[in-house]
Amino acid sequence: MGDHRSPSESDSPEDLLRTALDTFDDPFFVVDDDWRFIYVNDPARSFLAQSRGRELTVGEIEGLHLREVIPEAVGIPFYERYHEAMETGEAVTAEEYYEPLNSWFEVRAYPSETGLSVYLRDVTERHRRGEPIQERERVLREMYEVTADTERSFTEQVDALLEIGCDVLKTEFATLSRIRGDDYEFEIVRTPDGSIQPGDEVPLSATNCERTAATERTLVLADVVRDAPDLAEKAGYTEWGIACYLGAPVIVDGEVYGTFCFYDREPRAEEFSEWEVTLVDLVSQWLSYELTHQRTQEQLKRKNAQLEEFASLVSHDLRNPLNILDGWLELAQQSGEADHFDRCYRAIDRMDVLINELLALARAGERITDLQTVELADLVEESWQTVATANATLTVDTEQTIRADVNGLRQLFENLFRNGMEHGTTASRARSDAAFHESSNGRSGFGDQTEHRTDRVCFTVGDLDDGFYVEDDGPGIPPEERERVFEIGYSTAQGGTGFGLSIVRQIADAHGWDVSVVDGRDGGARFEFTRIERIHPAPAG
């Protein structure tokens, strides 16, 4: 700021005004209606000199045209605001960025009949304090636009959110993952090099996300080695080089679905800010809501489809035994013969079976939330005792402990055993007949051979890498029928309801398991259940 002289009695009103304006700490200048400077205070002189890039005195500036002092003024926001005030005759107030000085100024321009008075105030510091808020508003607005865009698919929305997060957090990697038991599946990913693709799987134990899922809390690691040395021993650091990590759990129906996380191969110089952590938490909560909503919609669609199937099955399958009952009951009343009444009872038993299995099918599709620790071998043995298996054997080759709904899993095993008995007895009988005829060929004593004839079916329950299998030595299931056997009402067994294997699949689906049919070791059917949550080691006692 320049030197200020004290006013004297000889000063004119104009001199007094000039002296007062010289005391301003902010730039102030006046131009006439021809845009020539007629007054410039010292802060304005300094401002204009910096804009020009060389030292100027007040005397050198006054009398010059605005464009002579600032040649690039035309087109800049300041110049436009000055002209707006002169053209409208009304005062103009605005905040503008002035690039030559890398600063923000509040501009107030007051027009008069003879020119324009301009007052400038440096508000750069205030803008710098407000920039983070403005940036956060921009990010939140962009996120809202993504999540509200119904034209985008869920995958496209998540991909856009991952991109926003990478930009804000300055990380190269971002993923939405799905956790299935001991497996960590990359569902939607952003990487700089394509090293990770959707659908790739790694052991959950190798990732930092294992801790995020176990604690169901956001994990914040600006420097993995410094902040969590034990995690630096995992493959995520030793093999993949993940040096910083920020991840939040995604919860669906009260259970951990997976994680929403960002990471990089270099540790951060600064900690993740509270705003950055909050941003990831916000998106993870949206994902939790959206995935829960999707699951609810899928369940609703399945229920509606199931209701339609039930209506069809009830009208078709129950009508037959009802017609039979109606006809034979009339004959029984007329004749009083026991055989006619027996046929009526069999029709009633058939309806009872159909109704029970329809109810079981309805319950099987319900989402399971109350999982318990289950010793698999014990439950298999219990299930075996409830099925009529007089002509069958069971081998249990498992010691694993899993998390499951006890009642649902028991019904799954019971249905598989019954299904194997229904389909396997016929084939086993055919093998026994062939063996009998071969063994009796050329021998006497027919009665001695009949005691060796059997309709035995052999079952085996054993372990897979991520689940278990149930296998029989029956006729097996042809490849072209392996999907159809799970359809409601489909059965190749005489008198079968076609509900048993549908119930098995729905119980597996309700647990989040995969089920498939392959050839057994002895040519029978082998049902494999995978993506199962194991407990290691098995609890004692």
Protein backbone atom coordinates (compact mmCIF):
# COMPACT_ATOMS: atom_id res chain seq x y z
CA MET A 1 0.00 0.00 0.00
CA GLY A 2 1.31 3.50 -0.90
CA ASP A 3 1.96 6.47 1.39
CA HIS A 4 -1.07 8.50 2.43
CA ARG A 5 -0.89 12.22 3.11
CA SER A 6 -2.99 13.91 5.74
CA PRO A 7 -5.75 16.25 4.49
CA SER A 8 -5.24 20.02 4.87
CA GLU A 9 -7.62 23.00 5.00
CA SER A 10 -6.70 23.96 1.40
CA ASP A 11 -7.82 20.58 0.00
CA SER A 12 -10.81 20.65 -2.34
CA PRO A 13 -13.68 18.18 -1.93
CA GLU A 14 -12.18 16.21 -4.82
CA ASP A 15 -8.81 16.13 -3.04
CA LEU A 16 -10.48 15.00 0.17
CA LEU A 17 -12.28 12.20 -1.65
CA ARG A 18 -9.09 11.10 -3.35
CA THR A 19 -7.29 11.08 -0.01
CA ALA A 20 -10.05 8.94 1.52
CA LEU A 21 -9.98 6.49 -1.38
CA ASP A 22 -6.21 6.21 -1.10
CA THR A 23 -6.68 4.68 2.34
CA PHE A 24 -8.54 1.66 0.91
CA ASP A 25 -6.67 -1.62 1.27
CA ASP A 26 -8.52 -3.11 -1.73
CA PRO A 27 -8.19 -2.05 -5.39
CA PHE A 28 -10.44 0.82 -6.46
CA PHE A 29 -10.41 2.71 -9.75
CA VAL A 30 -12.64 4.94 -11.87
CA VAL A 31 -12.91 5.08 -15.65
CA ASP A 32 -14.77 7.68 -17.72
CA ASP A 33 -17.40 6.91 -20.35
CA ASP A 34 -14.57 6.42 -22.86
CA TRP A 35 -13.02 3.68 -20.62
CA ARG A 36 -10.00 5.80 -19.68
CA PHE A 37 -8.66 5.71 -16.14
CA ILE A 38 -9.33 8.93 -14.25
CA TYR A 39 -8.50 7.64 -10.78
CA VAL A 40 -6.49 4.65 -9.48
CA ASN A 41 -5.67 4.01 -5.81
CA ASP A 42 -2.41 2.32 -4.89
CA PRO A 43 -3.83 -1.24 -4.42
CA ALA A 44 -5.45 -0.86 -7.87
CA ARG A 45 -2.08 0.33 -9.28
CA SER A 46 -0.44 -2.80 -7.87
CA PHE A 47 -3.25 -4.99 -9.22
CA LEU A 48 -2.96 -3.47 -12.70
CA ALA A 49 0.83 -3.61 -12.67
CA GLN A 50 0.77 -7.32 -11.84
CA SER A 51 -1.78 -7.88 -14.58
CA ARG A 52 0.48 -6.03 -17.05
CA GLY A 53 3.55 -7.85 -15.87
CA ARG A 54 5.64 -4.72 -15.19
CA GLU A 55 5.83 -1.93 -12.62
CA LEU A 56 3.49 1.03 -13.24
CA THR A 57 2.93 4.30 -11.42
CA VAL A 58 -0.44 5.92 -10.83
CA GLY A 59 0.58 8.73 -13.15
CA GLU A 60 1.40 6.27 -15.93
CA ILE A 61 -1.99 4.57 -15.61
CA GLU A 62 -4.32 7.55 -15.32
CA GLY A 63 -5.38 8.76 -18.77
CA LEU A 64 -4.79 5.40 -20.44
CA HIS A 65 -7.57 3.31 -21.97
CA LEU A 66 -8.51 0.12 -20.12
CA ARG A 67 -7.35 -1.96 -23.10
CA GLU A 68 -3.96 -0.20 -23.09
CA VAL A 69 -3.33 -1.22 -19.50
CA ILE A 70 -4.82 -4.72 -19.84
CA PRO A 71 -4.67 -5.66 -23.54
CA GLU A 72 -6.29 -9.09 -22.91
CA ALA A 73 -9.20 -7.54 -20.98
CA VAL A 74 -11.68 -7.97 -23.83
CA GLY A 75 -13.65 -11.16 -23.29
CA ILE A 76 -12.64 -11.79 -19.67
CA PRO A 77 -15.46 -11.91 -17.07
CA PHE A 78 -14.33 -8.62 -15.46
CA TYR A 79 -14.58 -6.73 -18.72
CA GLU A 80 -18.03 -8.18 -19.42
CA ARG A 81 -19.27 -7.17 -15.96
CA TYR A 82 -17.99 -3.59 -16.47
CA HIS A 83 -19.84 -3.31 -19.78
CA GLU A 84 -22.97 -4.82 -18.29
CA ALA A 85 -23.04 -2.08 -15.62
CA MET A 86 -22.41 0.68 -18.16
CA GLU A 87 -25.07 -0.61 -20.57
CA THR A 88 -27.81 -1.20 -17.99
CA GLY A 89 -27.00 1.76 -15.74
CA GLU A 90 -27.31 -0.54 -12.74
CA ALA A 91 -24.73 -1.68 -10.22
CA VAL A 92 -23.28 -5.15 -10.79
CA THR A 93 -21.85 -7.45 -8.14
CA ALA A 94 -20.14 -10.76 -8.96
CA GLU A 95 -17.28 -13.06 -8.03
CA GLU A 96 -14.87 -13.90 -10.80
CA TYR A 97 -11.63 -15.82 -11.23
CA TYR A 98 -8.79 -13.69 -12.58
CA GLU A 99 -6.33 -16.04 -14.28
CA PRO A 100 -3.30 -13.67 -14.57
CA LEU A 101 -3.13 -13.47 -10.78
CA ASN A 102 -4.55 -16.95 -10.10
CA SER A 103 -7.00 -15.32 -7.72
CA TRP A 104 -10.70 -14.83 -7.10
CA PHE A 105 -12.09 -11.30 -6.74
CA GLU A 106 -15.40 -9.92 -5.69
CA VAL A 107 -16.24 -7.22 -8.25
CA ARG A 108 -18.58 -4.32 -7.60
CA ALA A 109 -19.14 -1.92 -10.50
CA TYR A 110 -21.13 1.29 -9.97
CA PRO A 111 -22.11 3.24 -13.15
CA SER A 112 -22.70 6.98 -13.33
CA GLU A 113 -23.41 9.51 -16.05
CA THR A 114 -19.70 10.19 -16.49
CA GLY A 115 -18.19 6.70 -16.13
CA LEU A 116 -17.78 3.67 -13.90
CA SER A 117 -16.39 3.15 -10.39
CA VAL A 118 -14.95 -0.33 -9.74
CA TYR A 119 -14.21 -1.90 -6.37
CA LEU A 120 -12.31 -5.21 -6.13
CA ARG A 121 -11.86 -7.45 -3.10
CA ASP A 122 -9.60 -10.49 -3.05
CA VAL A 123 -11.69 -13.51 -1.92
CA THR A 124 -9.25 -16.21 -2.97
CA GLU A 125 -8.81 -17.62 0.51
CA ARG A 126 -12.54 -17.95 0.99
CA HIS A 127 -12.84 -19.75 -2.32
CA ARG A 128 -10.05 -22.09 -1.44
CA ARG A 129 -11.79 -22.95 1.80
CA GLY A 130 -15.01 -23.51 -0.11
CA GLU A 131 -13.52 -25.59 -2.94
CA PRO A 132 -13.65 -28.89 -1.02
CA ILE A 133 -17.34 -28.32 -0.29
CA GLN A 134 -18.05 -27.51 -3.91
CA GLU A 135 -16.08 -30.56 -5.01
CA ARG A 136 -18.03 -32.79 -2.65
CA GLU A 137 -21.29 -31.34 -3.92
CA ARG A 138 -20.17 -32.09 -7.48
CA VAL A 139 -19.28 -35.70 -6.60
CA LEU A 140 -22.54 -36.30 -4.74
CA ARG A 141 -24.51 -34.78 -7.60
CA GLU A 142 -22.69 -37.01 -10.09
CA MET A 143 -23.33 -40.08 -7.93
CA TYR A 144 -27.00 -39.22 -7.64
CA GLU A 145 -27.29 -38.85 -11.41
CA VAL A 146 -25.77 -42.32 -11.84
CA THR A 147 -27.99 -44.05 -9.30
CA ALA A 148 -31.14 -42.27 -10.54
CA ASP A 149 -30.49 -43.15 -14.19
CA THR A 150 -33.00 -45.92 -14.89
CA GLU A 151 -31.68 -46.29 -18.43
CA ARG A 152 -28.46 -47.78 -17.09
CA SER A 153 -28.20 -51.40 -16.04
CA PHE A 154 -27.07 -52.22 -12.51
CA THR A 155 -23.64 -53.21 -13.85
CA GLU A 156 -23.31 -49.91 -15.71
CA GLN A 157 -24.31 -47.96 -12.60
CA VAL A 158 -21.76 -49.76 -10.42
CA ASP A 159 -19.05 -49.33 -13.04
CA ALA A 160 -19.72 -45.58 -13.12
CA LEU A 161 -19.62 -45.41 -9.30
CA LEU A 162 -16.30 -47.27 -9.30
CA GLU A 163 -14.94 -44.73 -11.79
CA ILE A 164 -16.08 -41.82 -9.62
CA GLY A 165 -14.53 -43.44 -6.56
CA CYS A 166 -11.20 -44.04 -8.29
CA ASP A 167 -11.13 -40.40 -9.37
CA VAL A 168 -11.86 -39.10 -5.86
CA LEU A 169 -9.62 -41.54 -3.99
CA LYS A 170 -6.83 -41.49 -6.60
CA THR A 171 -6.66 -45.29 -6.77
CA GLU A 172 -6.24 -47.44 -9.87
CA PHE A 173 -8.20 -50.49 -8.72
CA ALA A 174 -11.82 -50.81 -7.61
CA THR A 175 -14.17 -53.78 -7.31
CA LEU A 176 -17.58 -54.95 -6.25
CA SER A 177 -17.05 -58.50 -5.05
CA ARG A 178 -19.21 -61.46 -4.08
CA ILE A 179 -18.14 -63.70 -1.22
CA ARG A 180 -19.26 -67.33 -1.43
CA GLY A 181 -17.93 -69.41 1.43
CA ASP A 182 -14.15 -69.48 1.06
CA ASP A 183 -14.20 -67.91 -2.40
CA TYR A 184 -13.89 -64.26 -3.39
CA GLU A 185 -15.42 -63.50 -6.80
CA PHE A 186 -14.81 -60.27 -8.70
CA GLU A 187 -18.22 -59.21 -10.03
CA ILE A 188 -17.60 -55.69 -11.40
CA VAL A 189 -14.06 -54.33 -11.67
CA ARG A 190 -12.00 -51.34 -12.80
CA THR A 191 -8.31 -51.93 -13.38
CA PRO A 192 -5.64 -50.05 -15.33
CA ASP A 193 -4.31 -53.14 -17.07
CA GLY A 194 -7.13 -55.67 -17.32
CA SER A 195 -5.31 -57.98 -14.91
CA ILE A 196 -8.64 -58.73 -13.20
CA GLN A 197 -11.79 -59.70 -15.07
CA PRO A 198 -15.40 -60.08 -13.88
CA GLY A 199 -15.92 -63.66 -12.78
CA ASP A 200 -12.33 -64.20 -11.64
CA GLU A 201 -12.07 -65.96 -8.28
CA VAL A 202 -9.37 -66.03 -5.61
CA PRO A 203 -9.30 -67.49 -2.10
CA LEU A 204 -11.02 -65.14 0.33
CA SER A 205 -8.19 -65.74 2.80
CA ALA A 206 -5.75 -64.03 0.40
CA THR A 207 -7.61 -60.71 0.49
CA ASN A 208 -8.00 -57.77 2.83
CA CYS A 209 -11.73 -58.10 2.19
CA GLU A 210 -11.77 -61.16 4.44
CA ARG A 211 -11.35 -58.83 7.43
CA THR A 212 -13.92 -56.38 6.09
CA ALA A 213 -16.45 -59.21 5.76
CA ALA A 214 -15.60 -60.81 9.11
CA THR A 215 -15.96 -57.56 11.08
CA GLU A 216 -18.76 -56.14 8.87
CA ARG A 217 -17.00 -52.79 9.20
CA THR A 218 -15.21 -50.48 6.78
CA LEU A 219 -11.48 -51.21 6.66
CA VAL A 220 -9.22 -48.17 6.13
CA LEU A 221 -5.52 -48.75 5.38
CA ALA A 222 -3.51 -45.88 3.91
CA ASP A 223 -0.38 -48.04 4.23
CA VAL A 224 -0.98 -51.79 4.65
CA VAL A 225 2.50 -52.52 6.02
CA ARG A 226 2.30 -49.73 8.57
CA ASP A 227 -1.37 -49.95 9.53
CA ALA A 228 -1.93 -53.74 9.47
CA PRO A 229 1.36 -55.67 9.36
CA ASP A 230 -0.43 -59.03 9.60
CA LEU A 231 -2.29 -58.29 6.36
CA ALA A 232 1.05 -57.66 4.66
CA GLU A 233 1.62 -61.41 4.94
CA LYS A 234 -1.37 -62.20 2.71
CA ALA A 235 -1.11 -62.82 -1.02
CA GLY A 236 -2.93 -59.53 -1.57
CA TYR A 237 0.29 -57.77 -0.57
CA THR A 238 3.02 -60.33 -1.26
CA GLU A 239 1.78 -61.34 -4.74
CA TRP A 240 -0.54 -58.57 -5.93
CA GLY A 241 1.21 -55.66 -4.23
CA ILE A 242 -1.87 -54.05 -2.66
CA ALA A 243 -0.29 -51.32 -0.53
CA CYS A 244 -3.34 -49.22 0.39
CA TYR A 245 -6.97 -50.26 0.79
CA LEU A 246 -10.38 -48.80 1.57
CA GLY A 247 -13.29 -51.24 1.56
CA ALA A 248 -16.80 -51.45 3.02
CA PRO A 249 -19.05 -54.50 3.45
CA VAL A 250 -22.16 -54.93 1.33
CA ILE A 251 -24.96 -56.42 3.43
CA VAL A 252 -27.93 -58.18 1.83
CA ASP A 253 -30.74 -59.64 3.93
CA GLY A 254 -28.65 -59.26 7.06
CA GLU A 255 -25.69 -61.22 5.65
CA VAL A 256 -22.42 -60.13 4.04
CA TYR A 257 -22.90 -60.30 0.28
CA GLY A 258 -19.42 -59.04 -0.54
CA THR A 259 -17.36 -55.85 -0.46
CA PHE A 260 -17.08 -52.54 -2.27
CA CYS A 261 -13.41 -51.61 -2.20
CA PHE A 262 -10.64 -49.44 -3.66
CA TYR A 263 -6.93 -50.16 -3.55
CA ASP A 264 -3.60 -49.31 -5.09
CA ARG A 265 -0.07 -50.64 -5.38
CA GLU A 266 1.45 -47.61 -3.69
CA PRO A 267 0.85 -46.54 -0.06
CA ARG A 268 -0.80 -43.17 0.38
CA ALA A 269 1.25 -40.25 1.63
CA GLU A 270 -1.79 -39.02 3.56
CA GLU A 271 -4.53 -40.86 5.43
CA PHE A 272 -7.88 -41.43 3.78
CA SER A 273 -10.04 -38.47 4.81
CA GLU A 274 -13.30 -38.75 6.68
CA TRP A 275 -15.05 -37.56 3.53
CA GLU A 276 -13.45 -40.31 1.43
CA VAL A 277 -14.44 -43.00 3.92
CA THR A 278 -17.98 -41.60 4.10
CA LEU A 279 -18.22 -41.66 0.30
CA VAL A 280 -17.38 -45.37 0.15
CA ASP A 281 -19.80 -46.09 3.00
CA LEU A 282 -22.59 -44.24 1.17
CA VAL A 283 -22.12 -46.26 -2.00
CA SER A 284 -21.89 -49.56 -0.10
CA GLN A 285 -25.21 -48.74 1.59
CA TRP A 286 -26.80 -48.00 -1.79
CA LEU A 287 -25.45 -51.30 -3.13
CA SER A 288 -26.84 -53.13 -0.09
CA TYR A 289 -30.26 -51.60 -0.69
CA GLU A 290 -30.23 -52.21 -4.44
CA LEU A 291 -29.10 -55.84 -4.17
CA THR A 292 -31.65 -56.52 -1.44
CA HIS A 293 -34.34 -54.98 -3.64
CA GLN A 294 -33.23 -57.11 -6.60
CA ARG A 295 -33.29 -60.25 -4.51
CA THR A 296 -36.77 -59.39 -3.22
CA GLN A 297 -38.00 -58.84 -6.78
CA GLU A 298 -36.48 -62.13 -7.91
CA GLN A 299 -38.11 -63.95 -5.00
CA LEU A 300 -41.43 -62.31 -5.84
CA LYS A 301 -41.15 -63.41 -9.47
CA ARG A 302 -40.32 -66.95 -8.37
CA LYS A 303 -43.25 -66.96 -5.97
CA ASN A 304 -45.63 -65.75 -8.67
CA ALA A 305 -44.35 -68.35 -11.10
CA GLN A 306 -44.59 -70.95 -8.35
CA LEU A 307 -48.18 -70.00 -7.61
CA GLU A 308 -49.06 -70.45 -11.27
CA GLU A 309 -47.34 -73.85 -11.28
CA PHE A 310 -49.11 -74.81 -8.07
CA ALA A 311 -52.47 -73.87 -9.52
CA SER A 312 -51.75 -75.99 -12.58
CA LEU A 313 -50.46 -78.91 -10.51
CA VAL A 314 -53.33 -78.81 -8.05
CA SER A 315 -55.91 -78.70 -10.82
CA HIS A 316 -54.21 -81.49 -12.79
CA ASP A 317 -52.51 -83.83 -10.33
CA LEU A 318 -55.16 -83.76 -7.62
CA ARG A 319 -58.00 -84.15 -10.12
CA ASN A 320 -56.86 -87.65 -11.11
CA PRO A 321 -56.98 -89.23 -7.62
CA LEU A 322 -60.21 -87.31 -6.91
CA ASN A 323 -61.81 -88.81 -10.01
CA ILE A 324 -60.54 -92.23 -9.02
CA LEU A 325 -61.87 -91.81 -5.50
CA ASP A 326 -65.24 -90.65 -6.80
CA GLY A 327 -65.62 -93.61 -9.15
CA TRP A 328 -64.44 -96.37 -6.84
CA LEU A 329 -66.33 -94.96 -3.86
CA GLU A 330 -69.56 -95.26 -5.82
CA LEU A 331 -68.72 -98.85 -6.72
CA ALA A 332 -67.71 -99.61 -3.14
CA GLN A 333 -71.04 -98.31 -1.90
CA GLN A 334 -72.86 -100.49 -4.38
CA SER A 335 -70.80 -103.65 -4.02
CA GLY A 336 -69.28 -103.42 -0.58
CA GLU A 337 -66.18 -105.21 -1.91
CA ALA A 338 -62.97 -104.61 0.08
CA ASP A 339 -60.91 -104.19 -3.11
CA HIS A 340 -63.02 -101.22 -4.13
CA PHE A 341 -62.47 -99.58 -0.73
CA ASP A 342 -58.72 -100.31 -0.97
CA ARG A 343 -58.58 -98.42 -4.26
CA CYS A 344 -60.31 -95.48 -2.54
CA TYR A 345 -57.75 -95.49 0.27
CA ARG A 346 -54.88 -95.56 -2.23
CA ALA A 347 -56.34 -92.52 -3.99
CA ILE A 348 -56.57 -90.72 -0.64
CA ASP A 349 -52.96 -91.66 0.16
CA ARG A 350 -51.89 -90.32 -3.22
CA MET A 351 -53.59 -86.98 -2.53
CA ASP A 352 -51.97 -86.85 0.89
CA VAL A 353 -48.52 -87.31 -0.70
CA LEU A 354 -49.21 -84.64 -3.29
CA ILE A 355 -50.44 -82.13 -0.73
CA ASN A 356 -47.48 -82.71 1.59
CA GLU A 357 -44.97 -82.31 -1.23
CA LEU A 358 -46.71 -79.20 -2.52
CA LEU A 359 -46.41 -77.68 0.94
CA ALA A 360 -42.76 -78.75 1.17
CA LEU A 361 -42.11 -77.19 -2.23
CA ALA A 362 -43.69 -73.91 -1.10
CA ARG A 363 -41.52 -73.79 2.03
CA ALA A 364 -38.33 -74.83 0.21
CA GLY A 365 -38.19 -71.61 -1.81
CA GLU A 366 -38.11 -69.34 1.24
CA ARG A 367 -34.83 -67.53 1.81
CA ILE A 368 -32.90 -69.09 4.67
CA THR A 369 -31.54 -66.69 7.28
CA ASP A 370 -31.18 -68.86 10.39
CA LEU A 371 -28.04 -70.88 9.65
CA GLN A 372 -26.64 -73.29 12.20
CA THR A 373 -23.45 -75.28 12.61
CA VAL A 374 -24.10 -78.74 11.18
CA GLU A 375 -21.97 -81.88 11.43
CA LEU A 376 -22.68 -83.21 7.94
CA ALA A 377 -22.12 -86.92 8.70
CA ASP A 378 -24.50 -86.86 11.69
CA LEU A 379 -27.28 -85.19 9.73
CA VAL A 380 -26.88 -87.63 6.82
CA GLU A 381 -27.31 -90.56 9.22
CA GLU A 382 -30.38 -88.95 10.82
CA SER A 383 -31.94 -88.35 7.41
CA TRP A 384 -31.23 -91.93 6.37
CA GLN A 385 -33.20 -93.26 9.35
CA THR A 386 -36.36 -91.43 8.27
CA VAL A 387 -36.45 -92.92 4.75
CA ALA A 388 -37.66 -96.44 3.92
CA THR A 389 -34.29 -97.86 2.86
CA ALA A 390 -34.58 -101.54 3.76
CA ASN A 391 -33.04 -102.56 0.42
CA ALA A 392 -30.31 -99.91 0.33
CA THR A 393 -26.91 -99.19 1.86
CA LEU A 394 -25.26 -95.90 2.81
CA THR A 395 -21.59 -94.98 2.92
CA VAL A 396 -20.77 -91.67 4.63
CA ASP A 397 -17.33 -90.38 3.68
CA THR A 398 -17.28 -86.87 5.16
CA GLU A 399 -16.05 -85.18 8.31
CA GLN A 400 -16.81 -81.61 7.37
CA THR A 401 -18.84 -79.12 9.34
CA ILE A 402 -20.92 -76.59 7.43
CA ARG A 403 -23.36 -73.73 8.01
CA ALA A 404 -26.91 -74.64 6.95
CA ASP A 405 -30.57 -74.73 7.89
CA VAL A 406 -30.93 -78.09 9.67
CA ASN A 407 -34.53 -78.83 8.65
CA GLY A 408 -33.96 -77.81 5.05
CA LEU A 409 -30.77 -79.85 4.73
CA ARG A 410 -32.44 -82.89 6.30
CA GLN A 411 -35.25 -82.67 3.76
CA LEU A 412 -32.70 -82.32 0.95
CA PHE A 413 -31.02 -85.61 1.91
CA GLU A 414 -34.36 -87.38 2.46
CA ASN A 415 -35.59 -86.38 -1.00
CA LEU A 416 -32.35 -87.50 -2.66
CA PHE A 417 -32.51 -90.85 -0.90
CA ARG A 418 -36.17 -91.35 -1.87
CA ASN A 419 -35.46 -90.30 -5.44
CA GLY A 420 -32.58 -92.74 -5.66
CA MET A 421 -34.73 -95.52 -4.21
CA GLU A 422 -37.58 -94.84 -6.67
CA HIS A 423 -35.34 -94.87 -9.72
CA GLY A 424 -32.65 -97.23 -8.55
CA THR A 425 -34.78 -100.18 -7.40
CA THR A 426 -36.01 -100.96 -10.89
CA ALA A 427 -32.51 -100.91 -12.34
CA SER A 428 -31.15 -102.89 -9.42
CA ARG A 429 -33.90 -105.47 -9.88
CA ALA A 430 -32.97 -105.82 -13.55
CA ARG A 431 -29.32 -106.38 -12.61
CA SER A 432 -30.34 -108.95 -10.02
CA ASP A 433 -32.47 -110.79 -12.57
CA ALA A 434 -29.57 -110.93 -14.98
CA ALA A 435 -27.21 -112.12 -12.26
CA PHE A 436 -29.74 -114.71 -11.13
CA HIS A 437 -30.20 -116.20 -14.58
CA GLU A 438 -26.47 -116.26 -15.16
CA SER A 439 -25.71 -117.91 -11.82
CA SER A 440 -28.50 -120.47 -12.20
CA ASN A 441 -27.56 -121.43 -15.76
CA GLY A 442 -26.62 -125.11 -15.81
CA ARG A 443 -27.36 -125.48 -12.11
CA SER A 444 -30.19 -127.09 -10.25
CA GLY A 445 -32.02 -125.84 -7.21
CA PHE A 446 -34.01 -122.70 -8.20
CA GLY A 447 -34.97 -122.10 -4.60
CA ASP A 448 -31.34 -121.99 -3.49
CA GLN A 449 -30.65 -119.05 -5.82
CA THR A 450 -33.57 -116.80 -4.91
CA GLU A 451 -32.06 -115.84 -1.58
CA HIS A 452 -29.13 -114.20 -3.42
CA ARG A 453 -31.43 -112.02 -5.49
CA THR A 454 -31.63 -108.42 -4.21
CA ASP A 455 -33.01 -105.00 -5.14
CA ARG A 456 -30.26 -103.21 -3.28
CA VAL A 457 -29.32 -99.55 -4.05
CA CYS A 458 -26.03 -98.16 -2.74
CA PHE A 459 -25.68 -94.50 -1.72
CA THR A 460 -22.50 -92.54 -0.95
CA VAL A 461 -22.19 -89.07 0.60
CA GLY A 462 -18.72 -87.51 0.33
CA ASP A 463 -16.71 -84.29 0.20
CA LEU A 464 -15.91 -81.90 -2.65
CA ASP A 465 -13.41 -79.04 -2.53
CA ASP A 466 -16.18 -76.54 -1.79
CA GLY A 467 -19.13 -78.74 -0.86
CA PHE A 468 -20.39 -82.31 -0.87
CA TYR A 469 -22.02 -84.88 -3.16
CA VAL A 470 -24.74 -87.53 -2.90
CA GLU A 471 -24.29 -90.46 -5.26
CA ASP A 472 -26.19 -93.68 -6.02
CA ASP A 473 -25.46 -96.67 -8.23
CA GLY A 474 -28.79 -96.58 -10.00
CA PRO A 475 -29.43 -96.10 -13.72
CA GLY A 476 -28.14 -92.53 -13.72
CA ILE A 477 -29.64 -89.54 -15.50
CA PRO A 478 -28.97 -88.93 -19.23
CA PRO A 479 -27.23 -85.59 -19.95
CA GLU A 480 -30.23 -84.27 -21.89
CA GLU A 481 -32.49 -84.72 -18.83
CA ARG A 482 -30.18 -83.33 -16.11
CA GLU A 483 -31.76 -79.89 -16.09
CA ARG A 484 -35.31 -81.11 -16.59
CA VAL A 485 -35.20 -83.34 -13.51
CA PHE A 486 -35.31 -80.18 -11.36
CA GLU A 487 -38.49 -78.90 -13.04
CA ILE A 488 -41.64 -79.00 -10.95
CA GLY A 489 -43.80 -81.96 -11.89
CA TYR A 490 -41.18 -83.73 -14.03
CA SER A 491 -40.70 -87.40 -13.17
CA THR A 492 -39.74 -90.58 -15.01
CA ALA A 493 -40.69 -92.87 -12.15
CA GLN A 494 -44.10 -94.50 -12.26
CA GLY A 495 -46.25 -92.87 -9.59
CA GLY A 496 -43.68 -90.15 -8.90
CA THR A 497 -44.91 -86.65 -8.06
CA GLY A 498 -42.08 -84.80 -9.80
CA PHE A 499 -41.60 -82.59 -6.74
CA GLY A 500 -38.68 -84.27 -4.97
CA LEU A 501 -35.76 -82.88 -6.97
CA SER A 502 -37.51 -79.51 -7.39
CA ILE A 503 -37.53 -79.28 -3.60
CA VAL A 504 -33.82 -80.22 -3.55
CA ARG A 505 -32.92 -77.39 -5.94
CA GLN A 506 -35.01 -74.83 -4.09
CA ILE A 507 -33.41 -75.74 -0.77
CA ALA A 508 -29.97 -75.37 -2.39
CA ASP A 509 -30.97 -72.03 -3.94
CA ALA A 510 -32.28 -70.80 -0.61
CA HIS A 511 -28.83 -71.49 0.90
CA GLY A 512 -27.04 -69.80 -2.01
CA TRP A 513 -25.54 -73.13 -3.14
CA ASP A 514 -25.06 -74.46 -6.67
CA VAL A 515 -26.37 -77.95 -7.53
CA SER A 516 -25.54 -80.02 -10.59
CA VAL A 517 -25.97 -83.60 -11.80
CA VAL A 518 -23.08 -85.66 -13.18
CA ASP A 519 -22.30 -89.33 -13.71
CA GLY A 520 -21.56 -91.36 -10.59
CA ARG A 521 -18.49 -93.54 -10.33
CA ASP A 522 -20.60 -96.68 -10.81
CA GLY A 523 -22.80 -95.25 -13.54
CA GLY A 524 -25.50 -93.87 -11.26
CA ALA A 525 -26.51 -90.29 -10.56
CA ARG A 526 -24.26 -87.95 -8.60
CA PHE A 527 -25.68 -84.70 -7.20
CA GLU A 528 -22.96 -82.16 -6.40
CA PHE A 529 -23.54 -79.18 -4.07
CA THR A 530 -20.94 -76.39 -4.14
CA ARG A 531 -20.28 -72.86 -2.84
CA ILE A 532 -20.98 -74.02 0.69
CA GLU A 533 -19.88 -72.19 3.81
CA ARG A 534 -17.58 -74.50 5.71
CA ILE A 535 -16.25 -74.23 9.25
CA HIS A 536 -12.62 -75.19 9.78
CA PRO A 537 -11.82 -77.01 11.94
CA ALA A 538 -14.99 -78.82 12.95
CA PRO A 539 -16.09 -77.80 16.48
CA ALA A 540 -15.27 -80.36 19.15
CA GLY A 541 -18.08 -82.30 20.82
